[in-house]
Amino acid sequence: MKTHLNLMPMRYRRGQLIRRRLKQWSVLWLLAAGATVLLGWTQWSQYQAGAAKLASLRTRYEPIEAMKGEVTGLREKIDALQRRESLALSLADERSMLGLVGLLSQARKTCEGRVSIGQLSLNRNEDSQSAACVLTLSGVAADDLAVARFTTALREADAFVGVDLKSTGSTLVGTVEARTYTLECTF
């Protein structure tokens, strides 16, 4: 049972209900708007902090970027220098071969044409400690004395660390008996 009775007209009661609902919903809308503003402000402050950090990182990165360009330039210079070095070394090897041929020619000349060089080979032994080259000569001589003079002339040239007579043998050149030899010259 009801204890009171509302005698207000329906239009007034409807207006009262609408005003009450508007107050309730306006509070909710104001709370939602406040939360949205608060959320937007935190996002904006985070964006500003991130932008400031990005700007400081970019200023710190600029010297690294400049060094990166310098490193690239230095690598190109190193490559160019390595190409020049390999060219110089190959030219030095060619000069040393010409010098060796000249040295062998002079040593052969001391034997008065009694020694001929049949085969000449150059072997490079590139160890971790030093790079040694071994020149192997083989040929024919008139006699043992010519082989001894040739070996002595090579030793006296002071171009080799060691001159070793590895083997000798006898052979026939036409109808004349001759001596074969094999020498190893280390330099």
N, C-alpha and C. Protein backbone atom coordinates (compact mmCIF):
# COMPACT_ATOMS: atom_id res chain seq x y z
N MET A 1 0.77 -1.15 0.00
CA MET A 1 0.00 0.00 0.00
C MET A 1 0.84 1.26 0.00
N LYS A 2 0.33 2.15 -0.72
CA LYS A 2 1.04 3.40 -0.89
C LYS A 2 0.63 4.37 0.20
N THR A 3 1.61 5.13 0.61
CA THR A 3 1.32 6.10 1.65
C THR A 3 1.17 7.51 1.10
N HIS A 4 1.54 7.71 -0.09
CA HIS A 4 1.38 9.04 -0.68
C HIS A 4 0.93 8.91 -2.12
N LEU A 5 0.43 9.97 -2.58
CA LEU A 5 -0.13 9.99 -3.92
C LEU A 5 0.37 11.24 -4.61
N ASN A 6 0.86 11.08 -5.81
CA ASN A 6 1.42 12.21 -6.58
C ASN A 6 0.30 12.75 -7.45
N LEU A 7 -0.08 13.98 -7.16
CA LEU A 7 -1.15 14.57 -7.91
C LEU A 7 -0.66 15.55 -8.95
N MET A 8 0.55 15.59 -9.16
CA MET A 8 1.13 16.49 -10.16
C MET A 8 0.72 16.01 -11.55
N PRO A 9 0.59 17.02 -12.46
CA PRO A 9 0.22 16.59 -13.80
C PRO A 9 1.35 15.76 -14.44
N MET A 10 0.94 14.98 -15.37
CA MET A 10 1.86 14.06 -16.03
C MET A 10 2.95 14.81 -16.77
N ARG A 11 2.65 15.92 -17.33
CA ARG A 11 3.63 16.71 -18.06
C ARG A 11 4.73 17.18 -17.09
N TYR A 12 4.35 17.61 -15.90
CA TYR A 12 5.32 18.07 -14.93
C TYR A 12 6.16 16.91 -14.43
N ARG A 13 5.51 15.78 -14.18
CA ARG A 13 6.26 14.59 -13.72
C ARG A 13 7.23 14.12 -14.78
N ARG A 14 6.80 14.19 -16.03
CA ARG A 14 7.69 13.80 -17.12
C ARG A 14 8.89 14.75 -17.15
N GLY A 15 8.70 16.06 -17.02
CA GLY A 15 9.79 17.03 -17.00
C GLY A 15 10.75 16.78 -15.84
N GLN A 16 10.17 16.44 -14.67
CA GLN A 16 10.99 16.13 -13.51
C GLN A 16 11.86 14.90 -13.78
N LEU A 17 11.30 13.89 -14.37
CA LEU A 17 12.03 12.67 -14.70
C LEU A 17 13.14 12.97 -15.69
N ILE A 18 12.84 13.79 -16.69
CA ILE A 18 13.85 14.14 -17.69
C ILE A 18 14.98 14.94 -17.04
N ARG A 19 14.65 15.90 -16.14
CA ARG A 19 15.70 16.68 -15.47
C ARG A 19 16.57 15.78 -14.60
N ARG A 20 15.98 14.83 -13.90
CA ARG A 20 16.74 13.90 -13.05
C ARG A 20 17.68 13.05 -13.91
N ARG A 21 17.15 12.54 -15.02
CA ARG A 21 18.00 11.71 -15.91
C ARG A 21 19.12 12.54 -16.54
N LEU A 22 18.78 13.80 -16.88
CA LEU A 22 19.82 14.68 -17.45
C LEU A 22 20.93 14.94 -16.43
N LYS A 23 20.57 15.13 -15.16
CA LYS A 23 21.58 15.33 -14.13
C LYS A 23 22.45 14.08 -13.98
N GLN A 24 21.81 12.92 -13.96
CA GLN A 24 22.57 11.67 -13.82
C GLN A 24 23.51 11.47 -15.01
N TRP A 25 22.97 11.63 -16.21
CA TRP A 25 23.80 11.41 -17.40
C TRP A 25 24.85 12.51 -17.56
N SER A 26 24.56 13.72 -17.16
CA SER A 26 25.58 14.77 -17.27
C SER A 26 26.75 14.48 -16.35
N VAL A 27 26.48 13.93 -15.17
CA VAL A 27 27.58 13.54 -14.27
C VAL A 27 28.43 12.46 -14.95
N LEU A 28 27.77 11.47 -15.54
CA LEU A 28 28.51 10.41 -16.24
C LEU A 28 29.30 10.98 -17.42
N TRP A 29 28.65 11.88 -18.18
CA TRP A 29 29.36 12.47 -19.32
C TRP A 29 30.53 13.33 -18.86
N LEU A 30 30.37 14.05 -17.79
CA LEU A 30 31.48 14.86 -17.26
C LEU A 30 32.63 13.97 -16.77
N LEU A 31 32.28 12.87 -16.11
CA LEU A 31 33.32 11.93 -15.67
C LEU A 31 34.06 11.32 -16.87
N ALA A 32 33.30 10.93 -17.89
CA ALA A 32 33.91 10.36 -19.10
C ALA A 32 34.79 11.39 -19.81
N ALA A 33 34.29 12.65 -19.88
CA ALA A 33 35.09 13.70 -20.52
C ALA A 33 36.35 13.97 -19.72
N GLY A 34 36.25 13.99 -18.39
CA GLY A 34 37.44 14.19 -17.54
C GLY A 34 38.44 13.08 -17.73
N ALA A 35 37.95 11.82 -17.77
CA ALA A 35 38.86 10.68 -17.98
C ALA A 35 39.52 10.76 -19.36
N THR A 36 38.75 11.18 -20.37
CA THR A 36 39.31 11.32 -21.71
C THR A 36 40.38 12.41 -21.74
N VAL A 37 40.10 13.53 -21.09
CA VAL A 37 41.08 14.61 -21.04
C VAL A 37 42.34 14.16 -20.30
N LEU A 38 42.15 13.46 -19.19
CA LEU A 38 43.29 12.95 -18.42
C LEU A 38 44.12 11.96 -19.23
N LEU A 39 43.44 11.05 -19.90
CA LEU A 39 44.14 10.08 -20.75
C LEU A 39 44.86 10.78 -21.89
N GLY A 40 44.21 11.75 -22.52
CA GLY A 40 44.85 12.50 -23.61
C GLY A 40 46.06 13.27 -23.12
N TRP A 41 45.94 13.85 -21.94
CA TRP A 41 47.07 14.61 -21.40
C TRP A 41 48.25 13.70 -21.10
N THR A 42 48.01 12.51 -20.53
CA THR A 42 49.13 11.58 -20.27
C THR A 42 49.76 11.12 -21.58
N GLN A 43 48.93 10.83 -22.59
CA GLN A 43 49.49 10.42 -23.88
C GLN A 43 50.30 11.55 -24.50
N TRP A 44 49.81 12.76 -24.41
CA TRP A 44 50.53 13.90 -24.97
C TRP A 44 51.85 14.14 -24.24
N SER A 45 51.83 14.00 -22.91
CA SER A 45 53.08 14.18 -22.16
C SER A 45 54.08 13.07 -22.49
N GLN A 46 53.59 11.84 -22.68
CA GLN A 46 54.48 10.75 -23.10
C GLN A 46 55.04 11.02 -24.49
N TYR A 47 54.20 11.53 -25.38
CA TYR A 47 54.66 11.87 -26.72
C TYR A 47 55.74 12.95 -26.66
N GLN A 48 55.52 13.98 -25.83
CA GLN A 48 56.51 15.06 -25.71
C GLN A 48 57.83 14.52 -25.13
N ALA A 49 57.74 13.64 -24.13
CA ALA A 49 58.95 13.05 -23.55
C ALA A 49 59.68 12.20 -24.59
N GLY A 50 58.94 11.42 -25.35
CA GLY A 50 59.54 10.60 -26.41
C GLY A 50 60.18 11.44 -27.49
N ALA A 51 59.51 12.54 -27.87
CA ALA A 51 60.07 13.43 -28.89
C ALA A 51 61.35 14.08 -28.40
N ALA A 52 61.37 14.48 -27.11
CA ALA A 52 62.59 15.07 -26.55
C ALA A 52 63.72 14.04 -26.50
N LYS A 53 63.40 12.82 -26.12
CA LYS A 53 64.41 11.75 -26.08
C LYS A 53 64.93 11.44 -27.48
N LEU A 54 64.03 11.41 -28.46
CA LEU A 54 64.42 11.17 -29.84
C LEU A 54 65.35 12.28 -30.34
N ALA A 55 65.03 13.51 -29.99
CA ALA A 55 65.88 14.63 -30.41
C ALA A 55 67.26 14.52 -29.78
N SER A 56 67.33 14.15 -28.49
CA SER A 56 68.64 14.01 -27.85
C SER A 56 69.41 12.84 -28.43
N LEU A 57 68.73 11.74 -28.75
CA LEU A 57 69.41 10.59 -29.37
C LEU A 57 69.92 10.94 -30.76
N ARG A 58 69.15 11.74 -31.50
CA ARG A 58 69.62 12.15 -32.83
C ARG A 58 70.86 13.01 -32.73
N THR A 59 70.90 13.91 -31.75
CA THR A 59 72.10 14.74 -31.59
C THR A 59 73.29 13.91 -31.14
N ARG A 60 73.04 12.86 -30.35
CA ARG A 60 74.14 11.97 -29.95
C ARG A 60 74.58 11.07 -31.10
N TYR A 61 73.67 10.78 -32.03
CA TYR A 61 73.96 9.87 -33.15
C TYR A 61 74.70 10.57 -34.29
N GLU A 62 74.59 11.89 -34.38
CA GLU A 62 75.22 12.61 -35.48
C GLU A 62 76.73 12.36 -35.57
N PRO A 63 77.50 12.38 -34.46
CA PRO A 63 78.93 12.07 -34.58
C PRO A 63 79.18 10.64 -35.04
N ILE A 64 78.32 9.72 -34.63
CA ILE A 64 78.48 8.32 -35.04
C ILE A 64 78.24 8.21 -36.54
N GLU A 65 77.26 8.92 -37.04
CA GLU A 65 76.97 8.92 -38.48
C GLU A 65 78.15 9.49 -39.25
N ALA A 66 78.75 10.56 -38.70
CA ALA A 66 79.93 11.16 -39.36
C ALA A 66 81.09 10.17 -39.34
N MET A 67 81.28 9.48 -38.21
CA MET A 67 82.36 8.48 -38.14
C MET A 67 82.10 7.33 -39.09
N LYS A 68 80.85 6.97 -39.27
CA LYS A 68 80.50 5.89 -40.20
C LYS A 68 80.92 6.26 -41.62
N GLY A 69 80.69 7.51 -41.99
CA GLY A 69 81.13 7.98 -43.30
C GLY A 69 82.65 7.98 -43.40
N GLU A 70 83.33 8.37 -42.31
CA GLU A 70 84.80 8.36 -42.31
C GLU A 70 85.33 6.94 -42.43
N VAL A 71 84.68 6.00 -41.73
CA VAL A 71 85.11 4.59 -41.79
C VAL A 71 84.97 4.06 -43.21
N THR A 72 83.89 4.41 -43.87
CA THR A 72 83.69 3.97 -45.25
C THR A 72 84.79 4.54 -46.14
N GLY A 73 85.11 5.82 -45.95
CA GLY A 73 86.19 6.44 -46.72
C GLY A 73 87.53 5.79 -46.43
N LEU A 74 87.79 5.47 -45.16
CA LEU A 74 89.05 4.82 -44.80
C LEU A 74 89.14 3.41 -45.36
N ARG A 75 88.01 2.70 -45.39
CA ARG A 75 88.02 1.35 -45.98
C ARG A 75 88.35 1.41 -47.46
N GLU A 76 87.81 2.41 -48.14
CA GLU A 76 88.13 2.57 -49.56
C GLU A 76 89.61 2.88 -49.74
N LYS A 77 90.16 3.73 -48.87
CA LYS A 77 91.59 4.04 -48.95
C LYS A 77 92.44 2.80 -48.67
N ILE A 78 92.01 2.00 -47.68
CA ILE A 78 92.75 0.77 -47.36
C ILE A 78 92.72 -0.19 -48.55
N ASP A 79 91.56 -0.34 -49.18
CA ASP A 79 91.46 -1.21 -50.35
C ASP A 79 92.38 -0.71 -51.47
N ALA A 80 92.40 0.60 -51.69
CA ALA A 80 93.27 1.16 -52.74
C ALA A 80 94.73 0.93 -52.40
N LEU A 81 95.10 1.09 -51.12
CA LEU A 81 96.48 0.86 -50.71
C LEU A 81 96.87 -0.61 -50.83
N GLN A 82 95.93 -1.50 -50.51
CA GLN A 82 96.22 -2.93 -50.66
C GLN A 82 96.41 -3.30 -52.12
N ARG A 83 95.61 -2.70 -53.00
CA ARG A 83 95.81 -2.97 -54.43
C ARG A 83 97.17 -2.46 -54.88
N ARG A 84 97.54 -1.26 -54.41
CA ARG A 84 98.85 -0.71 -54.78
C ARG A 84 99.99 -1.56 -54.20
N GLU A 85 99.79 -2.06 -52.97
CA GLU A 85 100.82 -2.89 -52.36
C GLU A 85 100.99 -4.20 -53.13
N SER A 86 99.88 -4.83 -53.51
CA SER A 86 100.00 -6.08 -54.27
C SER A 86 100.66 -5.85 -55.62
N LEU A 87 100.36 -4.70 -56.24
CA LEU A 87 101.01 -4.37 -57.50
C LEU A 87 102.51 -4.16 -57.28
N ALA A 88 102.86 -3.44 -56.21
CA ALA A 88 104.28 -3.20 -55.92
C ALA A 88 105.00 -4.50 -55.61
N LEU A 89 104.33 -5.40 -54.87
CA LEU A 89 104.96 -6.68 -54.56
C LEU A 89 105.14 -7.54 -55.81
N SER A 90 104.15 -7.52 -56.68
CA SER A 90 104.30 -8.30 -57.92
C SER A 90 105.42 -7.72 -58.78
N LEU A 91 105.53 -6.39 -58.81
CA LEU A 91 106.64 -5.78 -59.56
C LEU A 91 107.98 -6.10 -58.91
N ALA A 92 108.01 -6.14 -57.57
CA ALA A 92 109.25 -6.48 -56.88
C ALA A 92 109.63 -7.92 -57.18
N ASP A 93 108.63 -8.82 -57.25
CA ASP A 93 108.92 -10.21 -57.60
C ASP A 93 109.48 -10.30 -59.01
N GLU A 94 108.92 -9.53 -59.95
CA GLU A 94 109.43 -9.56 -61.32
C GLU A 94 110.87 -9.06 -61.36
N ARG A 95 111.16 -7.98 -60.60
CA ARG A 95 112.52 -7.47 -60.56
C ARG A 95 113.47 -8.50 -59.96
N SER A 96 113.01 -9.18 -58.87
CA SER A 96 113.88 -10.16 -58.25
C SER A 96 114.13 -11.34 -59.20
N MET A 97 113.12 -11.70 -60.00
CA MET A 97 113.34 -12.78 -60.98
C MET A 97 114.34 -12.34 -62.04
N LEU A 98 114.24 -11.10 -62.49
CA LEU A 98 115.22 -10.62 -63.46
C LEU A 98 116.60 -10.57 -62.84
N GLY A 99 116.68 -10.16 -61.57
CA GLY A 99 117.96 -10.16 -60.87
C GLY A 99 118.53 -11.55 -60.72
N LEU A 100 117.64 -12.52 -60.42
CA LEU A 100 118.09 -13.91 -60.30
C LEU A 100 118.62 -14.45 -61.62
N VAL A 101 117.92 -14.13 -62.68
CA VAL A 101 118.37 -14.59 -64.00
C VAL A 101 119.72 -13.98 -64.33
N GLY A 102 119.89 -12.69 -64.00
CA GLY A 102 121.18 -12.03 -64.23
C GLY A 102 122.27 -12.65 -63.38
N LEU A 103 121.97 -12.97 -62.12
CA LEU A 103 122.93 -13.59 -61.22
C LEU A 103 123.33 -14.97 -61.72
N LEU A 104 122.34 -15.74 -62.18
CA LEU A 104 122.63 -17.06 -62.74
C LEU A 104 123.47 -16.95 -64.00
N SER A 105 123.20 -15.95 -64.79
CA SER A 105 123.97 -15.74 -66.01
C SER A 105 125.42 -15.40 -65.69
N GLN A 106 125.65 -14.56 -64.68
CA GLN A 106 127.02 -14.22 -64.30
C GLN A 106 127.75 -15.43 -63.72
N ALA A 107 127.07 -16.23 -62.89
CA ALA A 107 127.68 -17.43 -62.32
C ALA A 107 128.01 -18.43 -63.42
N ARG A 108 127.16 -18.53 -64.41
CA ARG A 108 127.41 -19.44 -65.54
C ARG A 108 128.59 -18.95 -66.37
N LYS A 109 128.72 -17.63 -66.45
CA LYS A 109 129.81 -17.04 -67.23
C LYS A 109 131.17 -17.38 -66.62
N THR A 110 131.24 -17.49 -65.28
CA THR A 110 132.50 -17.85 -64.62
C THR A 110 132.93 -19.26 -64.96
N CYS A 111 132.01 -20.08 -65.40
CA CYS A 111 132.33 -21.47 -65.76
C CYS A 111 132.74 -21.58 -67.23
N GLU A 112 132.84 -20.47 -67.93
CA GLU A 112 133.31 -20.41 -69.33
C GLU A 112 132.49 -21.28 -70.27
N GLY A 113 131.17 -21.28 -70.04
CA GLY A 113 130.26 -21.98 -70.94
C GLY A 113 130.25 -23.48 -70.77
N ARG A 114 130.78 -23.99 -69.68
CA ARG A 114 130.83 -25.44 -69.47
C ARG A 114 129.63 -25.94 -68.66
N VAL A 115 128.71 -25.00 -68.33
CA VAL A 115 127.51 -25.36 -67.56
C VAL A 115 126.30 -24.81 -68.31
N SER A 116 125.25 -25.63 -68.41
CA SER A 116 123.99 -25.13 -68.96
C SER A 116 122.87 -25.42 -67.96
N ILE A 117 121.94 -24.49 -67.90
CA ILE A 117 120.79 -24.64 -67.00
C ILE A 117 119.62 -25.14 -67.84
N GLY A 118 119.14 -26.31 -67.49
CA GLY A 118 118.04 -26.91 -68.25
C GLY A 118 116.68 -26.56 -67.69
N GLN A 119 116.57 -26.52 -66.38
CA GLN A 119 115.28 -26.24 -65.76
C GLN A 119 115.49 -25.36 -64.53
N LEU A 120 114.56 -24.44 -64.37
CA LEU A 120 114.62 -23.47 -63.28
C LEU A 120 113.21 -23.36 -62.69
N SER A 121 113.10 -23.55 -61.37
CA SER A 121 111.77 -23.40 -60.73
C SER A 121 111.94 -22.66 -59.41
N LEU A 122 110.94 -21.83 -59.12
CA LEU A 122 110.94 -21.02 -57.90
C LEU A 122 109.75 -21.44 -57.06
N ASN A 123 110.02 -21.85 -55.82
CA ASN A 123 108.97 -22.26 -54.89
C ASN A 123 108.99 -21.34 -53.69
N ARG A 124 107.81 -20.84 -53.32
CA ARG A 124 107.69 -19.97 -52.15
C ARG A 124 107.09 -20.76 -51.01
N ASN A 125 107.75 -20.74 -49.89
CA ASN A 125 107.25 -21.38 -48.67
C ASN A 125 106.84 -20.27 -47.73
N GLU A 126 105.54 -19.99 -47.64
CA GLU A 126 105.05 -18.90 -46.79
C GLU A 126 104.62 -19.48 -45.46
N ASP A 127 105.56 -19.53 -44.52
CA ASP A 127 105.26 -19.99 -43.16
C ASP A 127 104.78 -18.81 -42.34
N SER A 128 104.35 -19.07 -41.11
CA SER A 128 103.87 -17.99 -40.25
C SER A 128 105.01 -17.12 -39.77
N GLN A 129 106.24 -17.64 -39.73
CA GLN A 129 107.37 -16.87 -39.22
C GLN A 129 108.05 -16.07 -40.32
N SER A 130 108.37 -16.70 -41.43
CA SER A 130 109.06 -15.98 -42.50
C SER A 130 108.69 -16.59 -43.85
N ALA A 131 108.87 -15.80 -44.88
CA ALA A 131 108.59 -16.28 -46.23
C ALA A 131 109.93 -16.57 -46.89
N ALA A 132 110.21 -17.84 -47.15
CA ALA A 132 111.47 -18.24 -47.77
C ALA A 132 111.19 -18.73 -49.18
N CYS A 133 112.09 -18.41 -50.08
CA CYS A 133 111.95 -18.87 -51.46
C CYS A 133 113.09 -19.83 -51.77
N VAL A 134 112.76 -20.88 -52.50
CA VAL A 134 113.75 -21.87 -52.89
C VAL A 134 113.79 -21.92 -54.41
N LEU A 135 114.99 -21.69 -54.94
CA LEU A 135 115.21 -21.75 -56.39
C LEU A 135 115.88 -23.08 -56.68
N THR A 136 115.23 -23.89 -57.51
CA THR A 136 115.78 -25.21 -57.85
C THR A 136 116.27 -25.15 -59.29
N LEU A 137 117.55 -25.50 -59.46
CA LEU A 137 118.19 -25.49 -60.78
C LEU A 137 118.59 -26.91 -61.13
N SER A 138 118.39 -27.27 -62.36
CA SER A 138 118.91 -28.56 -62.84
C SER A 138 119.40 -28.34 -64.26
N GLY A 139 120.45 -29.06 -64.59
CA GLY A 139 121.02 -28.89 -65.91
C GLY A 139 122.16 -29.86 -66.15
N VAL A 140 123.00 -29.50 -67.14
CA VAL A 140 124.10 -30.37 -67.56
C VAL A 140 125.38 -29.55 -67.52
N ALA A 141 126.47 -30.21 -67.07
CA ALA A 141 127.78 -29.56 -67.04
C ALA A 141 128.79 -30.49 -67.71
N ALA A 142 129.90 -29.90 -68.13
CA ALA A 142 130.92 -30.70 -68.83
C ALA A 142 131.57 -31.70 -67.89
N ASP A 143 131.83 -31.28 -66.62
CA ASP A 143 132.46 -32.19 -65.67
C ASP A 143 132.15 -31.72 -64.26
N ASP A 144 132.71 -32.45 -63.26
CA ASP A 144 132.46 -32.11 -61.86
C ASP A 144 133.06 -30.76 -61.49
N LEU A 145 134.20 -30.42 -62.10
CA LEU A 145 134.84 -29.14 -61.81
C LEU A 145 133.94 -27.97 -62.23
N ALA A 146 133.25 -28.07 -63.33
CA ALA A 146 132.34 -27.02 -63.79
C ALA A 146 131.17 -26.88 -62.82
N VAL A 147 130.65 -28.00 -62.32
CA VAL A 147 129.56 -27.96 -61.35
C VAL A 147 130.05 -27.29 -60.06
N ALA A 148 131.26 -27.63 -59.62
CA ALA A 148 131.82 -27.04 -58.40
C ALA A 148 132.03 -25.53 -58.57
N ARG A 149 132.54 -25.10 -59.73
CA ARG A 149 132.74 -23.67 -59.97
C ARG A 149 131.40 -22.92 -60.00
N PHE A 150 130.42 -23.52 -60.62
CA PHE A 150 129.10 -22.90 -60.69
C PHE A 150 128.49 -22.74 -59.28
N THR A 151 128.59 -23.81 -58.47
CA THR A 151 128.08 -23.76 -57.10
C THR A 151 128.82 -22.72 -56.28
N THR A 152 130.14 -22.65 -56.42
CA THR A 152 130.95 -21.66 -55.70
C THR A 152 130.60 -20.25 -56.14
N ALA A 153 130.40 -20.03 -57.42
CA ALA A 153 130.05 -18.70 -57.91
C ALA A 153 128.69 -18.26 -57.36
N LEU A 154 127.75 -19.18 -57.23
CA LEU A 154 126.46 -18.83 -56.65
C LEU A 154 126.59 -18.50 -55.17
N ARG A 155 127.44 -19.26 -54.45
CA ARG A 155 127.64 -18.98 -53.03
C ARG A 155 128.32 -17.64 -52.82
N GLU A 156 129.27 -17.30 -53.67
CA GLU A 156 130.01 -16.05 -53.52
C GLU A 156 129.20 -14.84 -53.94
N ALA A 157 128.10 -15.04 -54.59
CA ALA A 157 127.26 -13.92 -55.02
C ALA A 157 126.56 -13.24 -53.83
N ASP A 158 126.50 -13.90 -52.68
CA ASP A 158 125.87 -13.39 -51.47
C ASP A 158 124.41 -13.00 -51.68
N ALA A 159 123.74 -13.62 -52.61
CA ALA A 159 122.32 -13.36 -52.84
C ALA A 159 121.46 -14.42 -52.18
N PHE A 160 122.07 -15.54 -51.83
CA PHE A 160 121.33 -16.67 -51.29
C PHE A 160 121.74 -16.95 -49.85
N VAL A 161 120.78 -17.43 -49.07
CA VAL A 161 121.09 -17.85 -47.70
C VAL A 161 121.86 -19.15 -47.73
N GLY A 162 121.49 -20.01 -48.63
CA GLY A 162 122.18 -21.29 -48.76
C GLY A 162 122.13 -21.80 -50.18
N VAL A 163 123.23 -22.40 -50.62
CA VAL A 163 123.30 -23.04 -51.93
C VAL A 163 123.70 -24.47 -51.69
N ASP A 164 122.81 -25.42 -51.99
CA ASP A 164 123.07 -26.84 -51.72
C ASP A 164 123.04 -27.62 -53.02
N LEU A 165 124.08 -28.43 -53.21
CA LEU A 165 124.14 -29.33 -54.35
C LEU A 165 123.40 -30.59 -53.93
N LYS A 166 122.25 -30.83 -54.49
CA LYS A 166 121.39 -31.94 -54.07
C LYS A 166 121.78 -33.26 -54.73
N SER A 167 122.12 -33.22 -56.01
CA SER A 167 122.48 -34.48 -56.67
C SER A 167 123.31 -34.19 -57.92
N THR A 168 124.11 -35.20 -58.27
CA THR A 168 124.85 -35.17 -59.53
C THR A 168 124.72 -36.56 -60.15
N GLY A 169 124.91 -36.59 -61.41
CA GLY A 169 124.84 -37.87 -62.12
C GLY A 169 125.56 -37.74 -63.45
N SER A 170 125.68 -38.83 -64.14
CA SER A 170 126.36 -38.78 -65.43
C SER A 170 125.35 -39.09 -66.53
N THR A 171 125.63 -38.51 -67.70
CA THR A 171 124.76 -38.70 -68.85
C THR A 171 125.59 -38.54 -70.11
N LEU A 172 125.03 -38.93 -71.23
CA LEU A 172 125.70 -38.75 -72.52
C LEU A 172 124.98 -37.66 -73.28
N VAL A 173 125.75 -36.68 -73.75
CA VAL A 173 125.22 -35.63 -74.60
C VAL A 173 125.86 -35.88 -75.96
N GLY A 174 125.06 -36.46 -76.80
CA GLY A 174 125.62 -36.88 -78.09
C GLY A 174 126.54 -38.06 -77.83
N THR A 175 127.85 -37.86 -78.08
CA THR A 175 128.83 -38.92 -77.82
C THR A 175 129.73 -38.55 -76.65
N VAL A 176 129.53 -37.36 -76.07
CA VAL A 176 130.38 -36.87 -74.98
C VAL A 176 129.71 -37.16 -73.64
N GLU A 177 130.54 -37.65 -72.70
CA GLU A 177 130.02 -37.89 -71.36
C GLU A 177 129.97 -36.57 -70.60
N ALA A 178 128.84 -36.32 -69.89
CA ALA A 178 128.65 -35.06 -69.15
C ALA A 178 128.06 -35.38 -67.78
N ARG A 179 127.97 -34.33 -66.95
CA ARG A 179 127.45 -34.48 -65.59
C ARG A 179 126.11 -33.73 -65.48
N THR A 180 125.12 -34.37 -64.89
CA THR A 180 123.87 -33.68 -64.57
C THR A 180 123.95 -33.22 -63.11
N TYR A 181 123.23 -32.16 -62.80
CA TYR A 181 123.27 -31.63 -61.43
C TYR A 181 121.89 -31.10 -61.06
N THR A 182 121.67 -31.03 -59.77
CA THR A 182 120.48 -30.37 -59.22
C THR A 182 120.94 -29.54 -58.02
N LEU A 183 120.64 -28.24 -58.06
CA LEU A 183 121.01 -27.30 -57.00
C LEU A 183 119.75 -26.71 -56.38
N GLU A 184 119.82 -26.44 -55.08
CA GLU A 184 118.74 -25.70 -54.40
C GLU A 184 119.35 -24.48 -53.76
N CYS A 185 118.84 -23.33 -54.13
CA CYS A 185 119.33 -22.05 -53.61
C CYS A 185 118.19 -21.43 -52.80
N THR A 186 118.44 -21.19 -51.52
CA THR A 186 117.44 -20.60 -50.63
C THR A 186 117.73 -19.12 -50.44
N PHE A 187 116.69 -18.28 -50.59
CA PHE A 187 116.86 -16.84 -50.33
C PHE A 187 115.61 -16.27 -49.72
